Amino acid sequence: MPGGLTETEKFFTEKILPEDVEAVPVDADRIYHLKHILLPDYIINRYPDGLPIDYLDFFRSSVLPDRPRRKEKLVYISRKLSGRNSKRCVLNEDDLLLKLESYGFQRYHLEDMSVQEQINLFYDASFVVSPHGAGLTNIIFSDGLNVLELFPLKCSRPHYEYLSKTLNHNYIPWFPESGVDRDSNFCVDVEHISRLVESILMKSSRK
């Protein structure tokens, strides 16, 4: 692979590759003569209606912790507001957190956590609230999860809705009344989200 593997790629390839397979860095400016090459098809298209369950079962069984789930974590994923390159940050996040913390939620910055720490967090999560972003990929490590995804615009990007559908998570999107664009930082209706969270928690307690 040109440039070698990232730390995240190293983590997962060590978990899922057969023992006789090795990931080898290659020089992008060098020509290689290969005796055999296998080029697999893409598993999915860009917006799939779910993921192949056989693939998910194999992947999850290779990386999930070998212990019972605790299903006790109420997770809020924070996107750091760090200058002009910030995207989809909740501008009134502190106000939102005051409400969410009253239900037992804790704030997490996934970029400060290792891959294994993220897996463990979502493995034990029962409810995740998050702005749209790559951190929600971690719902693949959860089971029977409540997912409340916050969007900056009345425009759904269905990656995690479809992933939730495949994994039988309870997925709820939240949209503002108005917005600038789909990657802009935005404010949320704290009271509306609080009512949604309370309703979801009440329904979950009856199960």
C-alpha atoms as a PDB file:
ATOM      1  CA  MET A   1       0.000   0.000   0.000  1.00  0.00           C
ATOM      2  CA  PRO A   2       1.463   3.409  -0.949  1.00  0.00           C
ATOM      3  CA  GLY A   3       2.724   5.201   2.149  1.00  0.00           C
ATOM      4  CA  GLY A   4       2.024   2.233   4.391  1.00  0.00           C
ATOM      5  CA  LEU A   5      -0.926   1.625   6.673  1.00  0.00           C
ATOM      6  CA  THR A   6      -2.415   4.113   9.103  1.00  0.00           C
ATOM      7  CA  GLU A   7      -2.604   3.098  12.762  1.00  0.00           C
ATOM      8  CA  THR A   8      -6.314   2.355  12.331  1.00  0.00           C
ATOM      9  CA  GLU A   9      -5.656   0.208   9.250  1.00  0.00           C
ATOM     10  CA  LYS A  10      -2.898  -1.660  11.086  1.00  0.00           C
ATOM     11  CA  PHE A  11      -5.246  -2.373  13.972  1.00  0.00           C
ATOM     12  CA  PHE A  12      -7.953  -3.879  11.784  1.00  0.00           C
ATOM     13  CA  THR A  13      -5.728  -5.753   9.325  1.00  0.00           C
ATOM     14  CA  GLU A  14      -4.047  -7.523  12.244  1.00  0.00           C
ATOM     15  CA  LYS A  15      -7.487  -8.596  13.441  1.00  0.00           C
ATOM     16  CA  ILE A  16      -9.035  -9.768  10.180  1.00  0.00           C
ATOM     17  CA  LEU A  17      -6.263 -10.888   7.794  1.00  0.00           C
ATOM     18  CA  PRO A  18      -5.464 -14.629   7.614  1.00  0.00           C
ATOM     19  CA  GLU A  19      -2.178 -15.615   9.250  1.00  0.00           C
ATOM     20  CA  ASP A  20      -0.509 -16.268   5.880  1.00  0.00           C
ATOM     21  CA  VAL A  21      -1.412 -12.817   4.463  1.00  0.00           C
ATOM     22  CA  GLU A  22       0.757  -9.739   4.978  1.00  0.00           C
ATOM     23  CA  ALA A  23       0.066  -6.086   4.160  1.00  0.00           C
ATOM     24  CA  VAL A  24       3.161  -4.795   2.329  1.00  0.00           C
ATOM     25  CA  PRO A  25       3.940  -1.081   1.755  1.00  0.00           C
ATOM     26  CA  VAL A  26       4.734  -0.227  -1.871  1.00  0.00           C
ATOM     27  CA  ASP A  27       6.528   2.664  -3.523  1.00  0.00           C
ATOM     28  CA  ALA A  28       4.087   4.763  -5.560  1.00  0.00           C
ATOM     29  CA  ASP A  29       6.873   5.641  -8.066  1.00  0.00           C
ATOM     30  CA  ARG A  30       7.952   2.073  -8.700  1.00  0.00           C
ATOM     31  CA  ILE A  31       6.585  -0.454 -11.211  1.00  0.00           C
ATOM     32  CA  TYR A  32       5.848  -3.914  -9.806  1.00  0.00           C
ATOM     33  CA  HIS A  33       5.548  -7.130 -11.807  1.00  0.00           C
ATOM     34  CA  LEU A  34       2.995  -9.411 -10.146  1.00  0.00           C
ATOM     35  CA  LYS A  35       2.586 -13.103 -10.804  1.00  0.00           C
ATOM     36  CA  HIS A  36      -1.038 -13.138  -9.617  1.00  0.00           C
ATOM     37  CA  ILE A  37      -3.424 -10.356  -8.630  1.00  0.00           C
ATOM     38  CA  LEU A  38      -6.936 -10.525  -7.213  1.00  0.00           C
ATOM     39  CA  LEU A  39      -9.166  -7.455  -7.514  1.00  0.00           C
ATOM     40  CA  PRO A  40     -12.377  -7.928  -5.498  1.00  0.00           C
ATOM     41  CA  ASP A  41     -15.556  -6.057  -6.330  1.00  0.00           C
ATOM     42  CA  TYR A  42     -16.832  -3.346  -4.036  1.00  0.00           C
ATOM     43  CA  ILE A  43     -19.054  -4.866  -1.383  1.00  0.00           C
ATOM     44  CA  ILE A  44     -21.537  -2.007  -1.631  1.00  0.00           C
ATOM     45  CA  ASN A  45     -22.364   1.094  -3.623  1.00  0.00           C
ATOM     46  CA  ARG A  46     -22.203   4.600  -2.164  1.00  0.00           C
ATOM     47  CA  TYR A  47     -25.640   4.612  -0.509  1.00  0.00           C
ATOM     48  CA  PRO A  48     -26.448   0.956   0.119  1.00  0.00           C
ATOM     49  CA  ASP A  49     -29.709  -0.247   1.569  1.00  0.00           C
ATOM     50  CA  GLY A  50     -27.798  -2.024   4.329  1.00  0.00           C
ATOM     51  CA  LEU A  51     -24.596  -4.053   4.370  1.00  0.00           C
ATOM     52  CA  PRO A  52     -24.043  -7.755   3.672  1.00  0.00           C
ATOM     53  CA  ILE A  53     -24.765  -9.521   6.960  1.00  0.00           C
ATOM     54  CA  ASP A  54     -22.123 -12.196   6.326  1.00  0.00           C
ATOM     55  CA  TYR A  55     -19.486  -9.492   6.030  1.00  0.00           C
ATOM     56  CA  LEU A  56     -20.698  -7.775   9.177  1.00  0.00           C
ATOM     57  CA  ASP A  57     -20.780 -11.024  11.154  1.00  0.00           C
ATOM     58  CA  PHE A  58     -17.209 -11.861  10.124  1.00  0.00           C
ATOM     59  CA  PHE A  59     -15.897  -8.378  10.853  1.00  0.00           C
ATOM     60  CA  ARG A  60     -17.626  -8.021  14.208  1.00  0.00           C
ATOM     61  CA  SER A  61     -16.613 -11.473  15.403  1.00  0.00           C
ATOM     62  CA  SER A  62     -12.990 -10.613  14.554  1.00  0.00           C
ATOM     63  CA  VAL A  63     -12.788  -7.324  16.469  1.00  0.00           C
ATOM     64  CA  LEU A  64     -15.385  -7.236  19.259  1.00  0.00           C
ATOM     65  CA  PRO A  65     -14.348  -7.769  22.899  1.00  0.00           C
ATOM     66  CA  ASP A  66     -14.657 -11.312  24.240  1.00  0.00           C
ATOM     67  CA  ARG A  67     -16.886 -10.414  27.186  1.00  0.00           C
ATOM     68  CA  PRO A  68     -20.567  -9.615  27.866  1.00  0.00           C
ATOM     69  CA  ARG A  69     -21.864  -6.198  26.886  1.00  0.00           C
ATOM     70  CA  ARG A  70     -22.630  -3.811  29.733  1.00  0.00           C
ATOM     71  CA  LYS A  71     -25.114  -1.661  27.723  1.00  0.00           C
ATOM     72  CA  GLU A  72     -24.686   1.175  30.217  1.00  0.00           C
ATOM     73  CA  LYS A  73     -23.047   4.012  28.275  1.00  0.00           C
ATOM     74  CA  LEU A  74     -25.052   7.058  27.175  1.00  0.00           C
ATOM     75  CA  VAL A  75     -22.738   8.715  24.660  1.00  0.00           C
ATOM     76  CA  TYR A  76     -22.601  12.180  23.153  1.00  0.00           C
ATOM     77  CA  ILE A  77     -19.997  12.491  20.381  1.00  0.00           C
ATOM     78  CA  SER A  78     -18.499  15.973  20.218  1.00  0.00           C
ATOM     79  CA  ARG A  79     -16.930  17.416  17.097  1.00  0.00           C
ATOM     80  CA  LYS A  80     -14.199  19.841  18.177  1.00  0.00           C
ATOM     81  CA  LEU A  81     -14.667  23.447  17.109  1.00  0.00           C
ATOM     82  CA  SER A  82     -11.122  24.210  15.986  1.00  0.00           C
ATOM     83  CA  GLY A  83     -11.095  27.033  13.463  1.00  0.00           C
ATOM     84  CA  ARG A  84     -12.003  27.461   9.817  1.00  0.00           C
ATOM     85  CA  ASN A  85     -11.802  23.748   8.957  1.00  0.00           C
ATOM     86  CA  SER A  86     -14.414  22.745  11.539  1.00  0.00           C
ATOM     87  CA  LYS A  87     -17.485  21.046  10.107  1.00  0.00           C
ATOM     88  CA  ARG A  88     -20.867  20.142  11.580  1.00  0.00           C
ATOM     89  CA  CYS A  89     -19.984  21.304  15.102  1.00  0.00           C
ATOM     90  CA  VAL A  90     -22.907  22.037  17.429  1.00  0.00           C
ATOM     91  CA  LEU A  91     -22.425  25.686  18.353  1.00  0.00           C
ATOM     92  CA  ASN A  92     -24.640  25.547  21.456  1.00  0.00           C
ATOM     93  CA  GLU A  93     -23.189  22.208  22.540  1.00  0.00           C
ATOM     94  CA  ASP A  94     -22.636  23.276  26.160  1.00  0.00           C
ATOM     95  CA  ASP A  95     -26.348  24.049  26.522  1.00  0.00           C
ATOM     96  CA  LEU A  96     -27.217  20.719  24.942  1.00  0.00           C
ATOM     97  CA  LEU A  97     -24.813  18.896  27.253  1.00  0.00           C
ATOM     98  CA  LEU A  98     -26.430  20.398  30.339  1.00  0.00           C
ATOM     99  CA  LYS A  99     -29.672  18.700  29.299  1.00  0.00           C
ATOM    100  CA  LEU A 100     -28.101  15.447  28.166  1.00  0.00           C
ATOM    101  CA  GLU A 101     -26.007  15.096  31.317  1.00  0.00           C
ATOM    102  CA  SER A 102     -29.201  15.193  33.371  1.00  0.00           C
ATOM    103  CA  TYR A 103     -30.129  11.910  31.659  1.00  0.00           C
ATOM    104  CA  GLY A 104     -26.690  10.399  32.281  1.00  0.00           C
ATOM    105  CA  PHE A 105     -24.934  11.214  28.993  1.00  0.00           C
ATOM    106  CA  GLN A 106     -21.203  11.859  28.835  1.00  0.00           C
ATOM    107  CA  ARG A 107     -19.304  13.803  26.175  1.00  0.00           C
ATOM    108  CA  TYR A 108     -16.564  12.029  24.207  1.00  0.00           C
ATOM    109  CA  HIS A 109     -14.027  13.325  21.673  1.00  0.00           C
ATOM    110  CA  LEU A 110     -13.307  10.254  19.555  1.00  0.00           C
ATOM    111  CA  GLU A 111     -10.220  11.798  17.955  1.00  0.00           C
ATOM    112  CA  ASP A 112      -8.579  11.650  21.399  1.00  0.00           C
ATOM    113  CA  MET A 113      -9.325   7.925  21.829  1.00  0.00           C
ATOM    114  CA  SER A 114      -7.552   4.846  20.476  1.00  0.00           C
ATOM    115  CA  VAL A 115      -9.369   2.452  18.147  1.00  0.00           C
ATOM    116  CA  GLN A 116      -9.712  -0.099  20.951  1.00  0.00           C
ATOM    117  CA  GLU A 117     -11.115   2.531  23.315  1.00  0.00           C
ATOM    118  CA  GLN A 118     -13.714   3.509  20.714  1.00  0.00           C
ATOM    119  CA  ILE A 119     -14.691  -0.123  20.168  1.00  0.00           C
ATOM    120  CA  ASN A 120     -15.083  -0.664  23.919  1.00  0.00           C
ATOM    121  CA  LEU A 121     -17.146   2.517  24.291  1.00  0.00           C
ATOM    122  CA  PHE A 122     -19.641   1.610  21.579  1.00  0.00           C
ATOM    123  CA  TYR A 123     -19.692  -2.048  22.592  1.00  0.00           C
ATOM    124  CA  ASP A 124     -21.113  -0.965  25.955  1.00  0.00           C
ATOM    125  CA  ALA A 125     -23.307   1.873  24.640  1.00  0.00           C
ATOM    126  CA  SER A 126     -27.092   1.859  24.785  1.00  0.00           C
ATOM    127  CA  PHE A 127     -27.689   5.348  23.321  1.00  0.00           C
ATOM    128  CA  VAL A 128     -25.573   7.604  21.093  1.00  0.00           C
ATOM    129  CA  VAL A 129     -26.301  11.227  20.190  1.00  0.00           C
ATOM    130  CA  SER A 130     -24.028  12.769  17.586  1.00  0.00           C
ATOM    131  CA  PRO A 131     -23.757  15.304  14.784  1.00  0.00           C
ATOM    132  CA  HIS A 132     -23.382  13.606  11.407  1.00  0.00           C
ATOM    133  CA  GLY A 133     -19.788  12.447  10.992  1.00  0.00           C
ATOM    134  CA  ALA A 134     -17.433   9.514  10.591  1.00  0.00           C
ATOM    135  CA  GLY A 135     -17.435   8.796  14.326  1.00  0.00           C
ATOM    136  CA  LEU A 136     -20.849   7.201  13.898  1.00  0.00           C
ATOM    137  CA  THR A 137     -19.201   4.366  11.965  1.00  0.00           C
ATOM    138  CA  ASN A 138     -18.512   2.964  15.434  1.00  0.00           C
ATOM    139  CA  ILE A 139     -22.184   1.975  15.789  1.00  0.00           C
ATOM    140  CA  ILE A 140     -21.073  -1.165  13.961  1.00  0.00           C
ATOM    141  CA  PHE A 141     -19.684  -2.335  17.327  1.00  0.00           C
ATOM    142  CA  SER A 142     -22.994  -1.839  19.175  1.00  0.00           C
ATOM    143  CA  ASP A 143     -26.061  -4.005  19.673  1.00  0.00           C
ATOM    144  CA  GLY A 144     -29.655  -2.792  19.967  1.00  0.00           C
ATOM    145  CA  LEU A 145     -28.468   0.813  20.032  1.00  0.00           C
ATOM    146  CA  ASN A 146     -30.518   4.011  20.085  1.00  0.00           C
ATOM    147  CA  VAL A 147     -28.963   6.429  17.574  1.00  0.00           C
ATOM    148  CA  LEU A 148     -29.956  10.098  17.415  1.00  0.00           C
ATOM    149  CA  GLU A 149     -28.118  11.763  14.523  1.00  0.00           C
ATOM    150  CA  LEU A 150     -28.049  15.570  14.315  1.00  0.00           C
ATOM    151  CA  PHE A 151     -27.964  17.260  10.902  1.00  0.00           C
ATOM    152  CA  PRO A 152     -27.141  20.923  10.123  1.00  0.00           C
ATOM    153  CA  LEU A 153     -29.672  21.036   7.252  1.00  0.00           C
ATOM    154  CA  LYS A 154     -32.971  19.468   6.253  1.00  0.00           C
ATOM    155  CA  CYS A 155     -31.062  17.016   4.108  1.00  0.00           C
ATOM    156  CA  SER A 156     -30.393  13.422   5.113  1.00  0.00           C
ATOM    157  CA  ARG A 157     -27.081  11.682   4.419  1.00  0.00           C
ATOM    158  CA  PRO A 158     -28.225   8.110   4.990  1.00  0.00           C
ATOM    159  CA  HIS A 159     -24.940   6.279   5.685  1.00  0.00           C
ATOM    160  CA  TYR A 160     -25.732   5.574   9.335  1.00  0.00           C
ATOM    161  CA  GLU A 161     -29.453   5.149   8.835  1.00  0.00           C
ATOM    162  CA  TYR A 162     -28.734   2.217   6.508  1.00  0.00           C
ATOM    163  CA  LEU A 163     -26.040   0.820   8.797  1.00  0.00           C
ATOM    164  CA  SER A 164     -28.502   1.063  11.693  1.00  0.00           C
ATOM    165  CA  LYS A 165     -31.133  -0.710   9.633  1.00  0.00           C
ATOM    166  CA  THR A 166     -28.793  -3.622   8.949  1.00  0.00           C
ATOM    167  CA  LEU A 167     -27.821  -3.889  12.625  1.00  0.00           C
ATOM    168  CA  ASN A 168     -31.390  -3.467  13.933  1.00  0.00           C
ATOM    169  CA  HIS A 169     -30.546  -0.273  15.802  1.00  0.00           C
ATOM    170  CA  ASN A 170     -33.243   2.270  16.623  1.00  0.00           C
ATOM    171  CA  TYR A 171     -32.286   5.199  14.384  1.00  0.00           C
ATOM    172  CA  ILE A 172     -33.744   8.725  14.697  1.00  0.00           C
ATOM    173  CA  PRO A 173     -32.575  11.719  12.618  1.00  0.00           C
ATOM    174  CA  TRP A 174     -32.929  15.320  13.817  1.00  0.00           C
ATOM    175  CA  PHE A 175     -33.161  18.253  11.381  1.00  0.00           C
ATOM    176  CA  PRO A 176     -33.246  22.010  12.084  1.00  0.00           C
ATOM    177  CA  GLU A 177     -35.974  24.270  10.739  1.00  0.00           C
ATOM    178  CA  SER A 178     -33.369  25.955   8.507  1.00  0.00           C
ATOM    179  CA  GLY A 179     -29.661  25.728   7.755  1.00  0.00           C
ATOM    180  CA  VAL A 180     -26.840  27.044   5.571  1.00  0.00           C
ATOM    181  CA  ASP A 181     -25.307  23.917   4.024  1.00  0.00           C
ATOM    182  CA  ARG A 182     -24.816  20.287   4.918  1.00  0.00           C
ATOM    183  CA  ASP A 183     -21.337  20.773   6.396  1.00  0.00           C
ATOM    184  CA  SER A 184     -21.891  24.035   8.279  1.00  0.00           C
ATOM    185  CA  ASN A 185     -21.592  24.414  12.042  1.00  0.00           C
ATOM    186  CA  PHE A 186     -25.074  24.764  13.520  1.00  0.00           C
ATOM    187  CA  CYS A 187     -27.246  25.291  16.560  1.00  0.00           C
ATOM    188  CA  VAL A 188     -29.750  22.716  17.758  1.00  0.00           C
ATOM    189  CA  ASP A 189     -33.127  23.071  19.443  1.00  0.00           C
ATOM    190  CA  VAL A 190     -32.092  21.892  22.907  1.00  0.00           C
ATOM    191  CA  GLU A 191     -35.625  21.492  24.241  1.00  0.00           C
ATOM    192  CA  HIS A 192     -36.785  19.507  21.219  1.00  0.00           C
ATOM    193  CA  ILE A 193     -33.812  17.154  21.447  1.00  0.00           C
ATOM    194  CA  SER A 194     -34.341  16.814  25.201  1.00  0.00           C
ATOM    195  CA  ARG A 195     -37.933  15.714  24.625  1.00  0.00           C
ATOM    196  CA  LEU A 196     -36.806  13.235  21.952  1.00  0.00           C
ATOM    197  CA  VAL A 197     -34.172  11.746  24.253  1.00  0.00           C
ATOM    198  CA  GLU A 198     -36.608  11.459  27.145  1.00  0.00           C
ATOM    199  CA  SER A 199     -39.177   9.721  24.937  1.00  0.00           C
ATOM    200  CA  ILE A 200     -36.601   7.255  23.589  1.00  0.00           C
ATOM    201  CA  LEU A 201     -35.300   6.461  27.068  1.00  0.00           C
ATOM    202  CA  MET A 202     -38.838   5.861  28.346  1.00  0.00           C
ATOM    203  CA  LYS A 203     -39.609   3.479  25.475  1.00  0.00           C
ATOM    204  CA  SER A 204     -36.336   1.631  26.044  1.00  0.00           C
ATOM    205  CA  SER A 205     -37.079   1.203  29.767  1.00  0.00           C
ATOM    206  CA  ARG A 206     -40.337  -0.592  28.931  1.00  0.00           C
ATOM    207  CA  LYS A 207     -38.611  -3.284  26.866  1.00  0.00           C
END
